[in-house]
């Protein structure tokens, strides 16, 4: 099995809640409006949307 196929299988196996959290986390590391805020709700609009998607995924709903 090639490396590309293995990577594709790993990406498919990613749990939706963890994917949503990863997307939010990666955003906050790069976004000036989200860095250093006390709560996720205090970040930029995109950050708040990503956090909302994570919260929905955490309880088993899709955004």
PDB file of N, CA and C in Angstrom:
ATOM      1  N   UNK A   1       0.856  -1.174   0.000  1.00  0.00           N
ATOM      2  CA  UNK A   1       0.000   0.000   0.000  1.00  0.00           C
ATOM      3  C   UNK A   1       0.904   1.240   0.000  1.00  0.00           C
ATOM      4  N   UNK A   2       0.591   2.193  -0.850  1.00  0.00           N
ATOM      5  CA  UNK A   2       1.430   3.385  -0.955  1.00  0.00           C
ATOM      6  C   UNK A   2       1.161   4.343   0.205  1.00  0.00           C
ATOM      7  N   UNK A   3       2.060   5.273   0.389  1.00  0.00           N
ATOM      8  CA  UNK A   3       1.950   6.250   1.473  1.00  0.00           C
ATOM      9  C   UNK A   3       0.699   7.103   1.290  1.00  0.00           C
ATOM     10  N   UNK A   4       0.382   7.470   0.062  1.00  0.00           N
ATOM     11  CA  UNK A   4      -0.810   8.266  -0.213  1.00  0.00           C
ATOM     12  C   UNK A   4      -2.088   7.567   0.212  1.00  0.00           C
ATOM     13  N   UNK A   5      -2.165   6.272  -0.026  1.00  0.00           N
ATOM     14  CA  UNK A   5      -3.356   5.505   0.364  1.00  0.00           C
ATOM     15  C   UNK A   5      -3.465   5.384   1.874  1.00  0.00           C
ATOM     16  N   UNK A   6      -2.346   5.196   2.539  1.00  0.00           N
ATOM     17  CA  UNK A   6      -2.355   5.093   3.996  1.00  0.00           C
ATOM     18  C   UNK A   6      -2.827   6.419   4.585  1.00  0.00           C
ATOM     19  N   UNK A   7      -2.306   7.523   4.083  1.00  0.00           N
ATOM     20  CA  UNK A   7      -2.705   8.843   4.576  1.00  0.00           C
ATOM     21  C   UNK A   7      -4.191   9.074   4.340  1.00  0.00           C
ATOM     22  N   UNK A   8      -4.702   8.680   3.187  1.00  0.00           N
ATOM     23  CA  UNK A   8      -6.118   8.850   2.891  1.00  0.00           C
ATOM     24  C   UNK A   8      -6.981   8.061   3.868  1.00  0.00           C
ATOM     25  N   UNK A   9      -6.564   6.883   4.217  1.00  0.00           N
ATOM     26  CA  UNK A   9      -7.330   6.078   5.176  1.00  0.00           C
ATOM     27  C   UNK A   9      -7.304   6.693   6.569  1.00  0.00           C
ATOM     28  N   UNK A  10      -6.183   7.251   6.942  1.00  0.00           N
ATOM     29  CA  UNK A  10      -6.079   7.904   8.250  1.00  0.00           C
ATOM     30  C   UNK A  10      -6.988   9.119   8.294  1.00  0.00           C
ATOM     31  N   UNK A  11      -7.019   9.911   7.233  1.00  0.00           N
ATOM     32  CA  UNK A  11      -7.867  11.095   7.195  1.00  0.00           C
ATOM     33  C   UNK A  11      -9.343  10.718   7.237  1.00  0.00           C
ATOM     34  N   UNK A  12      -9.726   9.620   6.620  1.00  0.00           N
ATOM     35  CA  UNK A  12     -11.118   9.188   6.641  1.00  0.00           C
ATOM     36  C   UNK A  12     -11.531   8.739   8.026  1.00  0.00           C
ATOM     37  N   UNK A  13     -10.586   8.239   8.788  1.00  0.00           N
ATOM     38  CA  UNK A  13     -10.900   7.707  10.109  1.00  0.00           C
ATOM     39  C   UNK A  13     -10.960   8.786  11.182  1.00  0.00           C
ATOM     40  N   UNK A  14     -10.706  10.042  10.817  1.00  0.00           N
ATOM     41  CA  UNK A  14     -10.702  11.115  11.806  1.00  0.00           C
ATOM     42  C   UNK A  14     -12.111  11.335  12.363  1.00  0.00           C
ATOM     43  N   UNK A  15     -12.222  11.356  13.659  1.00  0.00           N
ATOM     44  CA  UNK A  15     -13.504  11.546  14.337  1.00  0.00           C
ATOM     45  C   UNK A  15     -13.973  12.981  14.099  1.00  0.00           C
ATOM     46  N   UNK A  16     -15.243  13.181  13.726  1.00  0.00           N
ATOM     47  CA  UNK A  16     -15.735  14.525  13.420  1.00  0.00           C
ATOM     48  C   UNK A  16     -15.480  15.551  14.522  1.00  0.00           C
ATOM     49  N   UNK A  17     -15.636  15.151  15.773  1.00  0.00           N
ATOM     50  CA  UNK A  17     -15.410  16.085  16.876  1.00  0.00           C
ATOM     51  C   UNK A  17     -13.943  16.520  16.909  1.00  0.00           C
ATOM     52  N   UNK A  18     -13.024  15.569  16.716  1.00  0.00           N
ATOM     53  CA  UNK A  18     -11.607  15.906  16.741  1.00  0.00           C
ATOM     54  C   UNK A  18     -11.211  16.743  15.533  1.00  0.00           C
ATOM     55  N   UNK A  19     -11.826  16.486  14.395  1.00  0.00           N
ATOM     56  CA  UNK A  19     -11.551  17.284  13.200  1.00  0.00           C
ATOM     57  C   UNK A  19     -11.991  18.720  13.429  1.00  0.00           C
ATOM     58  N   UNK A  20     -13.184  18.911  13.977  1.00  0.00           N
ATOM     59  CA  UNK A  20     -13.693  20.260  14.242  1.00  0.00           C
ATOM     60  C   UNK A  20     -12.787  20.989  15.221  1.00  0.00           C
ATOM     61  N   UNK A  21     -12.346  20.289  16.257  1.00  0.00           N
ATOM     62  CA  UNK A  21     -11.449  20.920  17.234  1.00  0.00           C
ATOM     63  C   UNK A  21     -10.121  21.272  16.590  1.00  0.00           C
ATOM     64  N   UNK A  22      -9.582  20.381  15.765  1.00  0.00           N
ATOM     65  CA  UNK A  22      -8.309  20.646  15.087  1.00  0.00           C
ATOM     66  C   UNK A  22      -8.412  21.869  14.190  1.00  0.00           C
ATOM     67  N   UNK A  23      -9.503  21.978  13.427  1.00  0.00           N
ATOM     68  CA  UNK A  23      -9.684  23.139  12.556  1.00  0.00           C
ATOM     69  C   UNK A  23      -9.744  24.430  13.370  1.00  0.00           C
ATOM     70  N   UNK A  24     -10.472  24.407  14.493  1.00  0.00           N
ATOM     71  CA  UNK A  24     -10.544  25.592  15.351  1.00  0.00           C
ATOM     72  C   UNK A  24      -9.166  25.914  15.923  1.00  0.00           C
ATOM     73  N   UNK A  25      -8.460  24.901  16.425  1.00  0.00           N
ATOM     74  CA  UNK A  25      -7.149  25.099  17.037  1.00  0.00           C
ATOM     75  C   UNK A  25      -6.156  25.674  16.039  1.00  0.00           C
ATOM     76  N   UNK A  26      -6.129  25.114  14.821  1.00  0.00           N
ATOM     77  CA  UNK A  26      -5.220  25.624  13.797  1.00  0.00           C
ATOM     78  C   UNK A  26      -5.546  27.068  13.451  1.00  0.00           C
ATOM     79  N   UNK A  27      -6.834  27.396  13.409  1.00  0.00           N
ATOM     80  CA  UNK A  27      -7.239  28.772  13.122  1.00  0.00           C
ATOM     81  C   UNK A  27      -6.751  29.722  14.211  1.00  0.00           C
ATOM     82  N   UNK A  28      -6.938  29.353  15.463  1.00  0.00           N
ATOM     83  CA  UNK A  28      -6.573  30.255  16.561  1.00  0.00           C
ATOM     84  C   UNK A  28      -5.062  30.481  16.632  1.00  0.00           C
ATOM     85  N   UNK A  29      -4.273  29.534  16.194  1.00  0.00           N
ATOM     86  CA  UNK A  29      -2.816  29.720  16.206  1.00  0.00           C
ATOM     87  C   UNK A  29      -2.377  30.753  15.188  1.00  0.00           C
ATOM     88  N   UNK A  30      -3.151  30.918  14.100  1.00  0.00           N
ATOM     89  CA  UNK A  30      -2.758  31.812  13.011  1.00  0.00           C
ATOM     90  C   UNK A  30      -3.485  33.157  13.050  1.00  0.00           C
ATOM     91  N   UNK A  31      -4.619  33.236  13.708  1.00  0.00           N
ATOM     92  CA  UNK A  31      -5.474  34.421  13.654  1.00  0.00           C
ATOM     93  C   UNK A  31      -5.104  35.415  14.758  1.00  0.00           C
ATOM     94  N   UNK A  32      -4.864  36.655  14.372  1.00  0.00           N
ATOM     95  CA  UNK A  32      -4.542  37.686  15.349  1.00  0.00           C
ATOM     96  C   UNK A  32      -5.709  38.027  16.250  1.00  0.00           C
ATOM     97  N   UNK A  33      -6.937  37.893  15.745  1.00  0.00           N
ATOM     98  CA  UNK A  33      -8.118  38.199  16.548  1.00  0.00           C
ATOM     99  C   UNK A  33      -8.466  37.120  17.553  1.00  0.00           C
ATOM    100  N   UNK A  34      -7.922  35.922  17.367  1.00  0.00           N
ATOM    101  CA  UNK A  34      -8.238  34.811  18.266  1.00  0.00           C
ATOM    102  C   UNK A  34      -7.114  34.491  19.246  1.00  0.00           C
ATOM    103  N   UNK A  35      -5.909  34.953  18.946  1.00  0.00           N
ATOM    104  CA  UNK A  35      -4.772  34.658  19.829  1.00  0.00           C
ATOM    105  C   UNK A  35      -4.940  35.394  21.148  1.00  0.00           C
ATOM    106  N   UNK A  36      -4.743  34.698  22.219  1.00  0.00           N
ATOM    107  CA  UNK A  36      -4.698  35.319  23.528  1.00  0.00           C
ATOM    108  C   UNK A  36      -6.034  35.723  24.129  1.00  0.00           C
ATOM    109  N   UNK A  37      -7.151  35.329  23.525  1.00  0.00           N
ATOM    110  CA  UNK A  37      -8.446  35.664  24.123  1.00  0.00           C
ATOM    111  C   UNK A  37      -8.765  34.660  25.226  1.00  0.00           C
ATOM    112  N   UNK A  38      -9.518  35.111  26.201  1.00  0.00           N
ATOM    113  CA  UNK A  38      -9.825  34.266  27.361  1.00  0.00           C
ATOM    114  C   UNK A  38     -10.818  33.156  27.026  1.00  0.00           C
ATOM    115  N   UNK A  39     -11.740  33.422  26.118  1.00  0.00           N
ATOM    116  CA  UNK A  39     -12.766  32.435  25.763  1.00  0.00           C
ATOM    117  C   UNK A  39     -12.903  32.376  24.243  1.00  0.00           C
ATOM    118  N   UNK A  40     -13.273  31.212  23.737  1.00  0.00           N
ATOM    119  CA  UNK A  40     -13.420  31.041  22.291  1.00  0.00           C
ATOM    120  C   UNK A  40     -14.461  31.996  21.728  1.00  0.00           C
ATOM    121  N   UNK A  41     -15.458  32.345  22.506  1.00  0.00           N
ATOM    122  CA  UNK A  41     -16.522  33.238  22.053  1.00  0.00           C
ATOM    123  C   UNK A  41     -16.027  34.671  21.876  1.00  0.00           C
ATOM    124  N   UNK A  42     -14.852  34.982  22.395  1.00  0.00           N
ATOM    125  CA  UNK A  42     -14.301  36.332  22.280  1.00  0.00           C
ATOM    126  C   UNK A  42     -13.421  36.506  21.049  1.00  0.00           C
ATOM    127  N   UNK A  43     -13.261  35.467  20.244  1.00  0.00           N
ATOM    128  CA  UNK A  43     -12.411  35.524  19.059  1.00  0.00           C
ATOM    129  C   UNK A  43     -13.127  36.167  17.879  1.00  0.00           C
ATOM    130  N   UNK A  44     -12.524  36.059  16.703  1.00  0.00           N
ATOM    131  CA  UNK A  44     -13.113  36.629  15.492  1.00  0.00           C
ATOM    132  C   UNK A  44     -14.338  35.812  15.060  1.00  0.00           C
ATOM    133  N   UNK A  45     -15.023  36.290  14.053  1.00  0.00           N
ATOM    134  CA  UNK A  45     -16.252  35.619  13.601  1.00  0.00           C
ATOM    135  C   UNK A  45     -15.977  34.197  13.109  1.00  0.00           C
ATOM    136  N   UNK A  46     -14.921  34.031  12.346  1.00  0.00           N
ATOM    137  CA  UNK A  46     -14.583  32.695  11.855  1.00  0.00           C
ATOM    138  C   UNK A  46     -14.244  31.767  13.012  1.00  0.00           C
ATOM    139  N   UNK A  47     -13.502  32.268  13.974  1.00  0.00           N
ATOM    140  CA  UNK A  47     -13.160  31.469  15.148  1.00  0.00           C
ATOM    141  C   UNK A  47     -14.392  31.049  15.928  1.00  0.00           C
ATOM    142  N   UNK A  48     -15.343  31.965  16.070  1.00  0.00           N
ATOM    143  CA  UNK A  48     -16.590  31.633  16.771  1.00  0.00           C
ATOM    144  C   UNK A  48     -17.391  30.586  16.005  1.00  0.00           C
ATOM    145  N   UNK A  49     -17.397  30.692  14.666  1.00  0.00           N
ATOM    146  CA  UNK A  49     -18.104  29.698  13.852  1.00  0.00           C
ATOM    147  C   UNK A  49     -17.453  28.321  13.982  1.00  0.00           C
ATOM    148  N   UNK A  50     -16.122  28.287  13.958  1.00  0.00           N
ATOM    149  CA  UNK A  50     -15.418  27.013  14.107  1.00  0.00           C
ATOM    150  C   UNK A  50     -15.662  26.415  15.490  1.00  0.00           C
ATOM    151  N   UNK A  51     -15.680  27.255  16.514  1.00  0.00           N
ATOM    152  CA  UNK A  51     -15.944  26.765  17.866  1.00  0.00           C
ATOM    153  C   UNK A  51     -17.374  26.232  17.954  1.00  0.00           C
ATOM    154  N   UNK A  52     -18.325  26.910  17.322  1.00  0.00           N
ATOM    155  CA  UNK A  52     -19.709  26.445  17.304  1.00  0.00           C
ATOM    156  C   UNK A  52     -19.834  25.098  16.611  1.00  0.00           C
ATOM    157  N   UNK A  53     -19.099  24.924  15.513  1.00  0.00           N
ATOM    158  CA  UNK A  53     -19.105  23.641  14.809  1.00  0.00           C
ATOM    159  C   UNK A  53     -18.539  22.540  15.700  1.00  0.00           C
ATOM    160  N   UNK A  54     -17.493  22.865  16.453  1.00  0.00           N
ATOM    161  CA  UNK A  54     -16.923  21.887  17.391  1.00  0.00           C
ATOM    162  C   UNK A  54     -17.933  21.511  18.461  1.00  0.00           C
ATOM    163  N   UNK A  55     -18.622  22.485  19.018  1.00  0.00           N
ATOM    164  CA  UNK A  55     -19.598  22.199  20.075  1.00  0.00           C
ATOM    165  C   UNK A  55     -20.728  21.320  19.557  1.00  0.00           C
ATOM    166  N   UNK A  56     -21.174  21.578  18.324  1.00  0.00           N
ATOM    167  CA  UNK A  56     -22.213  20.723  17.738  1.00  0.00           C
ATOM    168  C   UNK A  56     -21.695  19.307  17.494  1.00  0.00           C
ATOM    169  N   UNK A  57     -20.477  19.200  16.981  1.00  0.00           N
ATOM    170  CA  UNK A  57     -19.892  17.875  16.739  1.00  0.00           C
ATOM    171  C   UNK A  57     -19.704  17.117  18.045  1.00  0.00           C
ATOM    172  N   UNK A  58     -19.397  17.839  19.112  1.00  0.00           N
ATOM    173  CA  UNK A  58     -19.173  17.203  20.404  1.00  0.00           C
ATOM    174  C   UNK A  58     -20.438  16.525  20.932  1.00  0.00           C
ATOM    175  N   UNK A  59     -21.601  17.097  20.636  1.00  0.00           N
ATOM    176  CA  UNK A  59     -22.852  16.489  21.102  1.00  0.00           C
ATOM    177  C   UNK A  59     -23.494  15.610  20.033  1.00  0.00           C
ATOM    178  N   UNK A  60     -22.787  15.430  18.909  1.00  0.00           N
ATOM    179  CA  UNK A  60     -23.247  14.496  17.890  1.00  0.00           C
ATOM    180  C   UNK A  60     -24.123  15.095  16.806  1.00  0.00           C
ATOM    181  N   UNK A  61     -24.157  16.392  16.711  1.00  0.00           N
ATOM    182  CA  UNK A  61     -24.919  17.045  15.639  1.00  0.00           C
ATOM    183  C   UNK A  61     -23.962  17.572  14.587  1.00  0.00           C
ATOM    184  N   UNK A  62     -24.466  17.720  13.372  1.00  0.00           N
ATOM    185  CA  UNK A  62     -23.642  18.282  12.307  1.00  0.00           C
ATOM    186  C   UNK A  62     -23.966  19.757  12.158  1.00  0.00           C
ATOM    187  N   UNK A  63     -22.944  20.548  11.827  1.00  0.00           N
ATOM    188  CA  UNK A  63     -23.189  22.004  11.687  1.00  0.00           C
ATOM    189  C   UNK A  63     -24.019  22.345  10.478  1.00  0.00           C
TER     190      UNK A  63
END
